[in-house]
PDB file of N, CA and C in Angstrom:
ATOM      1  N   MET A   1      37.651 -12.245  -8.661  1.00  0.00           N
ATOM      2  CA  MET A   1      37.465 -10.985  -9.331  1.00  0.00           C
ATOM      3  C   MET A   1      38.320 -10.978 -10.609  1.00  0.00           C
ATOM      4  N   ALA A   2      37.724 -10.465 -11.688  1.00  0.00           N
ATOM      5  CA  ALA A   2      38.454 -10.365 -12.947  1.00  0.00           C
ATOM      6  C   ALA A   2      39.516  -9.276 -12.885  1.00  0.00           C
ATOM      7  N   GLN A   3      40.434  -9.299 -13.797  1.00  0.00           N
ATOM      8  CA  GLN A   3      41.462  -8.275 -13.865  1.00  0.00           C
ATOM      9  C   GLN A   3      40.892  -7.014 -14.490  1.00  0.00           C
ATOM     10  N   THR A   4      41.625  -5.915 -14.330  1.00  0.00           N
ATOM     11  CA  THR A   4      41.167  -4.647 -14.931  1.00  0.00           C
ATOM     12  C   THR A   4      41.270  -4.761 -16.439  1.00  0.00           C
ATOM     13  N   VAL A   5      40.433  -3.942 -17.122  1.00  0.00           N
ATOM     14  CA  VAL A   5      40.403  -3.946 -18.572  1.00  0.00           C
ATOM     15  C   VAL A   5      40.529  -2.500 -19.060  1.00  0.00           C
ATOM     16  N   ASN A   6      41.573  -2.224 -19.853  1.00  0.00           N
ATOM     17  CA  ASN A   6      41.733  -0.894 -20.423  1.00  0.00           C
ATOM     18  C   ASN A   6      40.831  -0.815 -21.663  1.00  0.00           C
ATOM     19  N   LEU A   7      39.911   0.162 -21.651  1.00  0.00           N
ATOM     20  CA  LEU A   7      38.939   0.309 -22.710  1.00  0.00           C
ATOM     21  C   LEU A   7      39.353   1.343 -23.736  1.00  0.00           C
ATOM     22  N   GLY A   8      40.510   1.919 -23.575  1.00  0.00           N
ATOM     23  CA  GLY A   8      41.000   2.942 -24.516  1.00  0.00           C
ATOM     24  C   GLY A   8      40.673   4.338 -24.065  1.00  0.00           C
ATOM     25  N   PRO A   9      40.924   5.313 -24.924  1.00  0.00           N
ATOM     26  CA  PRO A   9      40.774   6.723 -24.560  1.00  0.00           C
ATOM     27  C   PRO A   9      39.361   7.051 -24.081  1.00  0.00           C
ATOM     28  N   ALA A  10      39.266   7.709 -22.931  1.00  0.00           N
ATOM     29  CA  ALA A  10      37.965   8.062 -22.362  1.00  0.00           C
ATOM     30  C   ALA A  10      37.183   8.974 -23.273  1.00  0.00           C
ATOM     31  N   ASP A  11      37.868   9.822 -24.029  1.00  0.00           N
ATOM     32  CA  ASP A  11      37.162  10.776 -24.859  1.00  0.00           C
ATOM     33  C   ASP A  11      36.533  10.125 -26.103  1.00  0.00           C
ATOM     34  N   GLN A  12      36.732   8.815 -26.273  1.00  0.00           N
ATOM     35  CA  GLN A  12      36.111   8.124 -27.394  1.00  0.00           C
ATOM     36  C   GLN A  12      34.670   7.673 -27.075  1.00  0.00           C
ATOM     37  N   LEU A  13      34.277   7.788 -25.810  1.00  0.00           N
ATOM     38  CA  LEU A  13      32.899   7.460 -25.417  1.00  0.00           C
ATOM     39  C   LEU A  13      32.210   8.788 -25.112  1.00  0.00           C
ATOM     40  N   PRO A  14      31.373   9.275 -26.039  1.00  0.00           N
ATOM     41  CA  PRO A  14      30.741  10.582 -25.858  1.00  0.00           C
ATOM     42  C   PRO A  14      29.780  10.602 -24.647  1.00  0.00           C
ATOM     43  N   GLU A  15      29.590  11.781 -24.071  1.00  0.00           N
ATOM     44  CA  GLU A  15      28.623  11.952 -22.993  1.00  0.00           C
ATOM     45  C   GLU A  15      27.253  11.489 -23.467  1.00  0.00           C
ATOM     46  N   GLY A  16      26.557  10.774 -22.581  1.00  0.00           N
ATOM     47  CA  GLY A  16      25.219  10.291 -22.900  1.00  0.00           C
ATOM     48  C   GLY A  16      25.202   8.994 -23.683  1.00  0.00           C
ATOM     49  N   GLU A  17      26.365   8.384 -23.879  1.00  0.00           N
ATOM     50  CA  GLU A  17      26.451   7.145 -24.665  1.00  0.00           C
ATOM     51  C   GLU A  17      26.822   5.957 -23.770  1.00  0.00           C
ATOM     52  N   VAL A  18      26.586   4.753 -24.303  1.00  0.00           N
ATOM     53  CA  VAL A  18      26.834   3.495 -23.589  1.00  0.00           C
ATOM     54  C   VAL A  18      27.649   2.570 -24.484  1.00  0.00           C
ATOM     55  N   MET A  19      28.609   1.877 -23.884  1.00  0.00           N
ATOM     56  CA  MET A  19      29.432   0.913 -24.588  1.00  0.00           C
ATOM     57  C   MET A  19      29.233  -0.473 -23.936  1.00  0.00           C
ATOM     58  N   GLN A  20      29.052  -1.482 -24.764  1.00  0.00           N
ATOM     59  CA  GLN A  20      28.981  -2.859 -24.219  1.00  0.00           C
ATOM     60  C   GLN A  20      30.380  -3.452 -24.202  1.00  0.00           C
ATOM     61  N   VAL A  21      30.747  -4.029 -23.053  1.00  0.00           N
ATOM     62  CA  VAL A  21      32.004  -4.750 -22.901  1.00  0.00           C
ATOM     63  C   VAL A  21      31.631  -6.191 -22.626  1.00  0.00           C
ATOM     64  N   THR A  22      32.059  -7.089 -23.489  1.00  0.00           N
ATOM     65  CA  THR A  22      31.605  -8.488 -23.402  1.00  0.00           C
ATOM     66  C   THR A  22      32.321  -9.250 -22.281  1.00  0.00           C
ATOM     67  N   ALA A  23      31.680 -10.322 -21.869  1.00  0.00           N
ATOM     68  CA  ALA A  23      32.257 -11.175 -20.858  1.00  0.00           C
ATOM     69  C   ALA A  23      33.608 -11.739 -21.311  1.00  0.00           C
ATOM     70  N   GLU A  24      33.741 -11.977 -22.602  1.00  0.00           N
ATOM     71  CA  GLU A  24      34.996 -12.500 -23.160  1.00  0.00           C
ATOM     72  C   GLU A  24      36.119 -11.483 -22.963  1.00  0.00           C
ATOM     73  N   GLN A  25      35.803 -10.196 -23.057  1.00  0.00           N
ATOM     74  CA  GLN A  25      36.818  -9.148 -22.882  1.00  0.00           C
ATOM     75  C   GLN A  25      37.246  -8.994 -21.421  1.00  0.00           C
ATOM     76  N   THR A  26      36.332  -9.256 -20.487  1.00  0.00           N
ATOM     77  CA  THR A  26      36.577  -8.966 -19.082  1.00  0.00           C
ATOM     78  C   THR A  26      36.884 -10.175 -18.232  1.00  0.00           C
ATOM     79  N   GLY A  27      36.410 -11.362 -18.636  1.00  0.00           N
ATOM     80  CA  GLY A  27      36.522 -12.511 -17.760  1.00  0.00           C
ATOM     81  C   GLY A  27      35.452 -12.539 -16.719  1.00  0.00           C
ATOM     82  N   HIS A  28      34.544 -11.588 -16.749  1.00  0.00           N
ATOM     83  CA  HIS A  28      33.423 -11.492 -15.812  1.00  0.00           C
ATOM     84  C   HIS A  28      32.340 -12.463 -16.269  1.00  0.00           C
ATOM     85  N   SER A  29      31.394 -12.759 -15.410  1.00  0.00           N
ATOM     86  CA  SER A  29      30.352 -13.734 -15.744  1.00  0.00           C
ATOM     87  C   SER A  29      29.368 -13.275 -16.795  1.00  0.00           C
ATOM     88  N   GLY A  30      29.271 -11.992 -17.045  1.00  0.00           N
ATOM     89  CA  GLY A  30      28.339 -11.466 -18.042  1.00  0.00           C
ATOM     90  C   GLY A  30      28.858 -10.177 -18.647  1.00  0.00           C
ATOM     91  N   ASP A  31      28.140  -9.706 -19.660  1.00  0.00           N
ATOM     92  CA  ASP A  31      28.523  -8.452 -20.321  1.00  0.00           C
ATOM     93  C   ASP A  31      28.285  -7.280 -19.345  1.00  0.00           C
ATOM     94  N   ILE A  32      28.987  -6.196 -19.597  1.00  0.00           N
ATOM     95  CA  ILE A  32      28.923  -5.006 -18.757  1.00  0.00           C
ATOM     96  C   ILE A  32      28.646  -3.802 -19.661  1.00  0.00           C
ATOM     97  N   ALA A  33      27.728  -2.931 -19.216  1.00  0.00           N
ATOM     98  CA  ALA A  33      27.429  -1.666 -19.895  1.00  0.00           C
ATOM     99  C   ALA A  33      28.219  -0.545 -19.244  1.00  0.00           C
ATOM    100  N   VAL A  34      29.094   0.104 -20.021  1.00  0.00           N
ATOM    101  CA  VAL A  34      29.878   1.234 -19.510  1.00  0.00           C
ATOM    102  C   VAL A  34      29.211   2.498 -20.032  1.00  0.00           C
ATOM    103  N   VAL A  35      28.964   3.429 -19.118  1.00  0.00           N
ATOM    104  CA  VAL A  35      28.145   4.625 -19.434  1.00  0.00           C
ATOM    105  C   VAL A  35      28.976   5.883 -19.176  1.00  0.00           C
ATOM    106  N   HIS A  36      28.892   6.808 -20.107  1.00  0.00           N
ATOM    107  CA  HIS A  36      29.429   8.167 -19.919  1.00  0.00           C
ATOM    108  C   HIS A  36      28.201   9.038 -19.612  1.00  0.00           C
ATOM    109  N   ALA A  37      28.017   9.344 -18.341  1.00  0.00           N
ATOM    110  CA  ALA A  37      26.808  10.081 -17.928  1.00  0.00           C
ATOM    111  C   ALA A  37      26.816  11.518 -18.459  1.00  0.00           C
ATOM    112  N   GLU A  38      25.647  12.113 -18.474  1.00  0.00           N
ATOM    113  CA  GLU A  38      25.505  13.470 -18.980  1.00  0.00           C
ATOM    114  C   GLU A  38      26.274  14.491 -18.153  1.00  0.00           C
ATOM    115  N   ASP A  39      26.586  14.151 -16.877  1.00  0.00           N
ATOM    116  CA  ASP A  39      27.366  15.065 -16.043  1.00  0.00           C
ATOM    117  C   ASP A  39      28.878  14.856 -16.213  1.00  0.00           C
ATOM    118  N   GLY A  40      29.268  13.944 -17.113  1.00  0.00           N
ATOM    119  CA  GLY A  40      30.668  13.723 -17.393  1.00  0.00           C
ATOM    120  C   GLY A  40      31.266  12.528 -16.680  1.00  0.00           C
ATOM    121  N   GLY A  41      30.561  11.938 -15.678  1.00  0.00           N
ATOM    122  CA  GLY A  41      31.064  10.795 -14.950  1.00  0.00           C
ATOM    123  C   GLY A  41      30.991   9.498 -15.747  1.00  0.00           C
ATOM    124  N   TYR A  42      31.746   8.522 -15.345  1.00  0.00           N
ATOM    125  CA  TYR A  42      31.735   7.189 -15.989  1.00  0.00           C
ATOM    126  C   TYR A  42      31.261   6.162 -14.977  1.00  0.00           C
ATOM    127  N   PHE A  43      30.403   5.256 -15.443  1.00  0.00           N
ATOM    128  CA  PHE A  43      29.803   4.247 -14.606  1.00  0.00           C
ATOM    129  C   PHE A  43      29.729   2.934 -15.378  1.00  0.00           C
ATOM    130  N   ALA A  44      29.524   1.831 -14.631  1.00  0.00           N
ATOM    131  CA  ALA A  44      29.354   0.527 -15.286  1.00  0.00           C
ATOM    132  C   ALA A  44      28.351  -0.312 -14.496  1.00  0.00           C
ATOM    133  N   LEU A  45      27.478  -0.977 -15.233  1.00  0.00           N
ATOM    134  CA  LEU A  45      26.431  -1.859 -14.659  1.00  0.00           C
ATOM    135  C   LEU A  45      26.448  -3.156 -15.397  1.00  0.00           C
ATOM    136  N   ASP A  46      25.992  -4.227 -14.743  1.00  0.00           N
ATOM    137  CA  ASP A  46      25.761  -5.457 -15.476  1.00  0.00           C
ATOM    138  C   ASP A  46      24.836  -5.125 -16.639  1.00  0.00           C
ATOM    139  N   ASP A  47      25.095  -5.730 -17.784  1.00  0.00           N
ATOM    140  CA  ASP A  47      24.398  -5.340 -19.017  1.00  0.00           C
ATOM    141  C   ASP A  47      23.079  -6.061 -19.230  1.00  0.00           C
ATOM    142  N   GLU A  48      22.500  -6.617 -18.194  1.00  0.00           N
ATOM    143  CA  GLU A  48      21.202  -7.299 -18.337  1.00  0.00           C
ATOM    144  C   GLU A  48      20.208  -6.742 -17.328  1.00  0.00           C
ATOM    145  N   CYS A  49      19.093  -6.254 -17.860  1.00  0.00           N
ATOM    146  CA  CYS A  49      18.027  -5.749 -17.005  1.00  0.00           C
ATOM    147  C   CYS A  49      17.564  -6.839 -16.032  1.00  0.00           C
ATOM    148  N   SER A  50      17.299  -6.443 -14.793  1.00  0.00           N
ATOM    149  CA  SER A  50      16.858  -7.418 -13.789  1.00  0.00           C
ATOM    150  C   SER A  50      15.399  -7.810 -13.956  1.00  0.00           C
ATOM    151  N   HIS A  51      14.686  -7.130 -14.817  1.00  0.00           N
ATOM    152  CA  HIS A  51      13.272  -7.462 -15.071  1.00  0.00           C
ATOM    153  C   HIS A  51      13.146  -8.497 -16.182  1.00  0.00           C
ATOM    154  N   GLU A  52      13.830  -8.300 -17.304  1.00  0.00           N
ATOM    155  CA  GLU A  52      13.839  -9.229 -18.405  1.00  0.00           C
ATOM    156  C   GLU A  52      15.264  -9.278 -18.971  1.00  0.00           C
ATOM    157  N   ALA A  53      15.544 -10.308 -19.688  1.00  0.00           N
ATOM    158  CA  ALA A  53      16.906 -10.483 -20.226  1.00  0.00           C
ATOM    159  C   ALA A  53      17.102  -9.572 -21.461  1.00  0.00           C
ATOM    160  N   VAL A  54      17.237  -8.281 -21.188  1.00  0.00           N
ATOM    161  CA  VAL A  54      17.418  -7.292 -22.235  1.00  0.00           C
ATOM    162  C   VAL A  54      18.722  -6.545 -21.962  1.00  0.00           C
ATOM    163  N   SER A  55      19.438  -6.253 -23.023  1.00  0.00           N
ATOM    164  CA  SER A  55      20.732  -5.577 -22.898  1.00  0.00           C
ATOM    165  C   SER A  55      20.536  -4.106 -22.539  1.00  0.00           C
ATOM    166  N   LEU A  56      21.050  -3.697 -21.379  1.00  0.00           N
ATOM    167  CA  LEU A  56      20.972  -2.301 -20.985  1.00  0.00           C
ATOM    168  C   LEU A  56      21.848  -1.403 -21.819  1.00  0.00           C
ATOM    169  N   SER A  57      22.858  -1.964 -22.480  1.00  0.00           N
ATOM    170  CA  SER A  57      23.716  -1.143 -23.304  1.00  0.00           C
ATOM    171  C   SER A  57      22.992  -0.617 -24.558  1.00  0.00           C
ATOM    172  N   ASP A  58      21.801  -1.149 -24.835  1.00  0.00           N
ATOM    173  CA  ASP A  58      20.946  -0.647 -25.889  1.00  0.00           C
ATOM    174  C   ASP A  58      19.983   0.403 -25.368  1.00  0.00           C
ATOM    175  N   GLY A  59      20.112   0.749 -24.078  1.00  0.00           N
ATOM    176  CA  GLY A  59      19.201   1.687 -23.427  1.00  0.00           C
ATOM    177  C   GLY A  59      19.609   3.145 -23.605  1.00  0.00           C
ATOM    178  N   PHE A  60      18.990   3.978 -22.779  1.00  0.00           N
ATOM    179  CA  PHE A  60      19.111   5.407 -22.904  1.00  0.00           C
ATOM    180  C   PHE A  60      19.654   6.036 -21.605  1.00  0.00           C
ATOM    181  N   VAL A  61      20.607   6.924 -21.742  1.00  0.00           N
ATOM    182  CA  VAL A  61      21.161   7.612 -20.584  1.00  0.00           C
ATOM    183  C   VAL A  61      20.314   8.855 -20.321  1.00  0.00           C
ATOM    184  N   GLU A  62      19.849   8.989 -19.085  1.00  0.00           N
ATOM    185  CA  GLU A  62      19.042  10.154 -18.702  1.00  0.00           C
ATOM    186  C   GLU A  62      19.583  10.616 -17.355  1.00  0.00           C
ATOM    187  N   GLU A  63      20.371  11.700 -17.367  1.00  0.00           N
ATOM    188  CA  GLU A  63      21.023  12.253 -16.171  1.00  0.00           C
ATOM    189  C   GLU A  63      21.857  11.162 -15.501  1.00  0.00           C
ATOM    190  N   GLN A  64      21.427  10.702 -14.315  1.00  0.00           N
ATOM    191  CA  GLN A  64      22.199   9.681 -13.551  1.00  0.00           C
ATOM    192  C   GLN A  64      21.554   8.311 -13.614  1.00  0.00           C
ATOM    193  N   THR A  65      20.813   8.030 -14.704  1.00  0.00           N
ATOM    194  CA  THR A  65      20.178   6.703 -14.860  1.00  0.00           C
ATOM    195  C   THR A  65      20.444   6.129 -16.227  1.00  0.00           C
ATOM    196  N   LEU A  66      20.294   4.805 -16.303  1.00  0.00           N
ATOM    197  CA  LEU A  66      20.317   4.094 -17.576  1.00  0.00           C
ATOM    198  C   LEU A  66      18.969   3.398 -17.699  1.00  0.00           C
ATOM    199  N   GLU A  67      18.220   3.743 -18.749  1.00  0.00           N
ATOM    200  CA  GLU A  67      16.876   3.243 -18.953  1.00  0.00           C
ATOM    201  C   GLU A  67      16.881   2.032 -19.865  1.00  0.00           C
ATOM    202  N   CYS A  68      16.239   0.969 -19.420  1.00  0.00           N
ATOM    203  CA  CYS A  68      16.082  -0.246 -20.226  1.00  0.00           C
ATOM    204  C   CYS A  68      15.282   0.067 -21.485  1.00  0.00           C
ATOM    205  N   PRO A  69      15.721  -0.413 -22.645  1.00  0.00           N
ATOM    206  CA  PRO A  69      15.024  -0.141 -23.890  1.00  0.00           C
ATOM    207  C   PRO A  69      13.685  -0.859 -24.056  1.00  0.00           C
ATOM    208  N   MET A  70      13.423  -1.909 -23.232  1.00  0.00           N
ATOM    209  CA  MET A  70      12.173  -2.659 -23.417  1.00  0.00           C
ATOM    210  C   MET A  70      11.004  -2.084 -22.637  1.00  0.00           C
ATOM    211  N   HIS A  71      11.166  -1.960 -21.310  1.00  0.00           N
ATOM    212  CA  HIS A  71      10.024  -1.536 -20.477  1.00  0.00           C
ATOM    213  C   HIS A  71      10.306  -0.249 -19.690  1.00  0.00           C
ATOM    214  N   ALA A  72      11.424   0.404 -19.999  1.00  0.00           N
ATOM    215  CA  ALA A  72      11.741   1.723 -19.444  1.00  0.00           C
ATOM    216  C   ALA A  72      12.088   1.756 -17.951  1.00  0.00           C
ATOM    217  N   SER A  73      12.479   0.624 -17.362  1.00  0.00           N
ATOM    218  CA  SER A  73      13.008   0.700 -15.986  1.00  0.00           C
ATOM    219  C   SER A  73      14.294   1.525 -16.024  1.00  0.00           C
ATOM    220  N   ALA A  74      14.438   2.451 -15.103  1.00  0.00           N
ATOM    221  CA  ALA A  74      15.618   3.297 -15.061  1.00  0.00           C
ATOM    222  C   ALA A  74      16.459   2.911 -13.843  1.00  0.00           C
ATOM    223  N   PHE A  75      17.730   2.563 -14.105  1.00  0.00           N
ATOM    224  CA  PHE A  75      18.640   2.119 -13.030  1.00  0.00           C
ATOM    225  C   PHE A  75      19.597   3.247 -12.693  1.00  0.00           C
ATOM    226  N   CYS A  76      19.760   3.474 -11.382  1.00  0.00           N
ATOM    227  CA  CYS A  76      20.730   4.469 -10.904  1.00  0.00           C
ATOM    228  C   CYS A  76      22.137   4.027 -11.285  1.00  0.00           C
ATOM    229  N   LEU A  77      22.890   4.913 -11.913  1.00  0.00           N
ATOM    230  CA  LEU A  77      24.244   4.568 -12.360  1.00  0.00           C
ATOM    231  C   LEU A  77      25.204   4.307 -11.196  1.00  0.00           C
ATOM    232  N   LYS A  78      24.991   4.964 -10.071  1.00  0.00           N
ATOM    233  CA  LYS A  78      25.893   4.779  -8.919  1.00  0.00           C
ATOM    234  C   LYS A  78      25.580   3.529  -8.094  1.00  0.00           C
ATOM    235  N   THR A  79      24.283   3.220  -7.944  1.00  0.00           N
ATOM    236  CA  THR A  79      23.904   2.147  -7.034  1.00  0.00           C
ATOM    237  C   THR A  79      23.395   0.891  -7.725  1.00  0.00           C
ATOM    238  N   GLY A  80      22.917   1.016  -8.969  1.00  0.00           N
ATOM    239  CA  GLY A  80      22.313  -0.109  -9.675  1.00  0.00           C
ATOM    240  C   GLY A  80      20.880  -0.359  -9.301  1.00  0.00           C
ATOM    241  N   VAL A  81      20.323   0.455  -8.397  1.00  0.00           N
ATOM    242  CA  VAL A  81      18.957   0.299  -7.925  1.00  0.00           C
ATOM    243  C   VAL A  81      17.975   0.838  -8.967  1.00  0.00           C
ATOM    244  N   PRO A  82      16.898   0.085  -9.271  1.00  0.00           N
ATOM    245  CA  PRO A  82      15.905   0.607 -10.216  1.00  0.00           C
ATOM    246  C   PRO A  82      15.102   1.730  -9.583  1.00  0.00           C
ATOM    247  N   GLU A  83      14.972   2.823 -10.326  1.00  0.00           N
ATOM    248  CA  GLU A  83      14.237   3.981  -9.822  1.00  0.00           C
ATOM    249  C   GLU A  83      12.820   4.008 -10.363  1.00  0.00           C
ATOM    250  N   THR A  84      12.540   3.207 -11.397  1.00  0.00           N
ATOM    251  CA  THR A  84      11.192   3.110 -11.958  1.00  0.00           C
ATOM    252  C   THR A  84      10.884   1.644 -12.237  1.00  0.00           C
ATOM    253  N   PRO A  85       9.619   1.238 -12.096  1.00  0.00           N
ATOM    254  CA  PRO A  85       9.235  -0.139 -12.422  1.00  0.00           C
ATOM    255  C   PRO A  85       9.231  -0.342 -13.944  1.00  0.00           C
ATOM    256  N   PRO A  86       9.160  -1.563 -14.407  1.00  0.00           N
ATOM    257  CA  PRO A  86       8.773  -2.747 -13.657  1.00  0.00           C
ATOM    258  C   PRO A  86       9.906  -3.469 -12.939  1.00  0.00           C
ATOM    259  N   ALA A  87      11.172  -3.124 -13.196  1.00  0.00           N
ATOM    260  CA  ALA A  87      12.287  -3.793 -12.498  1.00  0.00           C
ATOM    261  C   ALA A  87      12.183  -3.500 -10.998  1.00  0.00           C
ATOM    262  N   MET A  88      12.419  -4.491 -10.194  1.00  0.00           N
ATOM    263  CA  MET A  88      12.375  -4.332  -8.731  1.00  0.00           C
ATOM    264  C   MET A  88      13.726  -4.626  -8.077  1.00  0.00           C
ATOM    265  N   SER A  89      14.586  -5.373  -8.770  1.00  0.00           N
ATOM    266  CA  SER A  89      15.862  -5.793  -8.215  1.00  0.00           C
ATOM    267  C   SER A  89      16.988  -4.967  -8.834  1.00  0.00           C
ATOM    268  N   PRO A  90      17.981  -4.631  -8.023  1.00  0.00           N
ATOM    269  CA  PRO A  90      19.122  -3.890  -8.571  1.00  0.00           C
ATOM    270  C   PRO A  90      19.994  -4.749  -9.494  1.00  0.00           C
ATOM    271  N   VAL A  91      20.792  -4.091 -10.295  1.00  0.00           N
ATOM    272  CA  VAL A  91      21.827  -4.749 -11.082  1.00  0.00           C
ATOM    273  C   VAL A  91      23.136  -4.400 -10.456  1.00  0.00           C
ATOM    274  N   LYS A  92      24.134  -5.256 -10.632  1.00  0.00           N
ATOM    275  CA  LYS A  92      25.436  -5.006 -10.038  1.00  0.00           C
ATOM    276  C   LYS A  92      26.169  -3.884 -10.764  1.00  0.00           C
ATOM    277  N   THR A  93      26.929  -3.129  -9.992  1.00  0.00           N
ATOM    278  CA  THR A  93      27.771  -2.062 -10.545  1.00  0.00           C
ATOM    279  C   THR A  93      29.213  -2.511 -10.586  1.00  0.00           C
ATOM    280  N   HIS A  94      30.000  -1.817 -11.373  1.00  0.00           N
ATOM    281  CA  HIS A  94      31.441  -2.087 -11.474  1.00  0.00           C
ATOM    282  C   HIS A  94      32.159  -0.746 -11.496  1.00  0.00           C
ATOM    283  N   LEU A  95      33.305  -0.708 -10.900  1.00  0.00           N
ATOM    284  CA  LEU A  95      34.100   0.516 -10.862  1.00  0.00           C
ATOM    285  C   LEU A  95      34.711   0.815 -12.204  1.00  0.00           C
ATOM    286  N   VAL A  96      34.646   2.096 -12.602  1.00  0.00           N
ATOM    287  CA  VAL A  96      35.322   2.585 -13.804  1.00  0.00           C
ATOM    288  C   VAL A  96      36.162   3.765 -13.371  1.00  0.00           C
ATOM    289  N   THR A  97      37.411   3.788 -13.799  1.00  0.00           N
ATOM    290  CA  THR A  97      38.297   4.912 -13.486  1.00  0.00           C
ATOM    291  C   THR A  97      38.891   5.464 -14.782  1.00  0.00           C
ATOM    292  N   VAL A  98      39.393   6.667 -14.718  1.00  0.00           N
ATOM    293  CA  VAL A  98      40.129   7.261 -15.843  1.00  0.00           C
ATOM    294  C   VAL A  98      41.576   7.340 -15.383  1.00  0.00           C
ATOM    295  N   GLU A  99      42.447   6.645 -16.102  1.00  0.00           N
ATOM    296  CA  GLU A  99      43.873   6.584 -15.769  1.00  0.00           C
ATOM    297  C   GLU A  99      44.680   6.978 -16.998  1.00  0.00           C
ATOM    298  N   ASP A 100      45.423   8.067 -16.864  1.00  0.00           N
ATOM    299  CA  ASP A 100      46.242   8.578 -17.993  1.00  0.00           C
ATOM    300  C   ASP A 100      45.412   8.767 -19.250  1.00  0.00           C
ATOM    301  N   GLY A 101      44.156   9.240 -19.074  1.00  0.00           N
ATOM    302  CA  GLY A 101      43.277   9.506 -20.198  1.00  0.00           C
ATOM    303  C   GLY A 101      42.499   8.303 -20.712  1.00  0.00           C
ATOM    304  N   ASP A 102      42.779   7.111 -20.192  1.00  0.00           N
ATOM    305  CA  ASP A 102      42.101   5.906 -20.638  1.00  0.00           C
ATOM    306  C   ASP A 102      41.020   5.485 -19.623  1.00  0.00           C
ATOM    307  N   LEU A 103      39.948   4.906 -20.135  1.00  0.00           N
ATOM    308  CA  LEU A 103      38.915   4.296 -19.292  1.00  0.00           C
ATOM    309  C   LEU A 103      39.416   2.925 -18.846  1.00  0.00           C
ATOM    310  N   VAL A 104      39.346   2.676 -17.564  1.00  0.00           N
ATOM    311  CA  VAL A 104      39.765   1.394 -17.047  1.00  0.00           C
ATOM    312  C   VAL A 104      38.598   0.815 -16.253  1.00  0.00           C
ATOM    313  N   LEU A 105      38.152  -0.363 -16.665  1.00  0.00           N
ATOM    314  CA  LEU A 105      37.037  -1.093 -16.039  1.00  0.00           C
ATOM    315  C   LEU A 105      37.608  -2.082 -15.040  1.00  0.00           C
ATOM    316  N   HIS A 106      36.995  -2.099 -13.852  1.00  0.00           N
ATOM    317  CA  HIS A 106      37.396  -3.029 -12.782  1.00  0.00           C
ATOM    318  C   HIS A 106      36.213  -3.988 -12.533  1.00  0.00           C
ATOM    319  N   PRO A 107      36.071  -5.014 -13.392  1.00  0.00           N
ATOM    320  CA  PRO A 107      34.930  -5.921 -13.250  1.00  0.00           C
ATOM    321  C   PRO A 107      34.917  -6.600 -11.886  1.00  0.00           C
ATOM    322  N   GLY A 108      33.756  -6.629 -11.271  1.00  0.00           N
ATOM    323  CA  GLY A 108      33.619  -7.279  -9.977  1.00  0.00           C
ATOM    324  C   GLY A 108      33.908  -6.373  -8.806  1.00  0.00           C
ATOM    325  N   THR A 109      34.469  -5.171  -9.047  1.00  0.00           N
ATOM    326  CA  THR A 109      34.671  -4.189  -7.976  1.00  0.00           C
ATOM    327  C   THR A 109      33.528  -3.211  -8.053  1.00  0.00           C
ATOM    328  N   PRO A 110      32.652  -3.177  -7.038  1.00  0.00           N
ATOM    329  CA  PRO A 110      31.467  -2.327  -7.129  1.00  0.00           C
ATOM    330  C   PRO A 110      31.834  -0.839  -7.036  1.00  0.00           C
ATOM    331  N   HIS A 111      30.956  -0.015  -7.623  1.00  0.00           N
ATOM    332  CA  HIS A 111      31.051   1.419  -7.437  1.00  0.00           C
ATOM    333  C   HIS A 111      30.950   1.704  -5.944  1.00  0.00           C
ATOM    334  N   PRO A 112      31.651   2.704  -5.411  1.00  0.00           N
ATOM    335  CA  PRO A 112      31.627   2.963  -3.958  1.00  0.00           C
ATOM    336  C   PRO A 112      30.238   3.185  -3.375  1.00  0.00           C
ATOM    337  N   HIS A 113      29.249   3.627  -4.172  1.00  0.00           N
ATOM    338  CA  HIS A 113      27.894   3.885  -3.677  1.00  0.00           C
ATOM    339  C   HIS A 113      26.935   2.721  -3.974  1.00  0.00           C
ATOM    340  N   ALA A 114      27.478   1.635  -4.473  1.00  0.00           N
ATOM    341  CA  ALA A 114      26.623   0.553  -4.945  1.00  0.00           C
ATOM    342  C   ALA A 114      25.895  -0.203  -3.837  1.00  0.00           C
ATOM    343  N   GLN A 115      24.817  -0.826  -4.254  1.00  0.00           N
ATOM    344  CA  GLN A 115      24.007  -1.673  -3.380  1.00  0.00           C
ATOM    345  C   GLN A 115      24.335  -3.145  -3.593  1.00  0.00           C
ATOM    346  N   ASN A 116      25.462  -3.454  -4.310  1.00  0.00           N
ATOM    347  CA  ASN A 116      25.804  -4.843  -4.673  1.00  0.00           C
ATOM    348  C   ASN A 116      25.835  -5.731  -3.448  1.00  0.00           C
TER     349      ASN A 116
END
């Protein structure tokens, strides 16, 4: 498991936005998409759609999902499970916490509701 990564002040990622954190930054095997959901929660998913090799960090936040920009598969932010086709396989989730006002990514540690 990779070490935790401090991503800076949580308030710098607006609600409904996504930030890409590269594998070089985390030591994880791939890039990670960190999401500030519309309800105020923070989530992280592997940054590659399970249907095609497309960056999810270029996608769209819709309530509790992250929609792939290519074919519109929507992945649950808590579980990584696709809620709409064409994706059929889940993507891995990663734990994100807010500590002293900063976003802290825990690469390789799944969200507690994940299907990893």
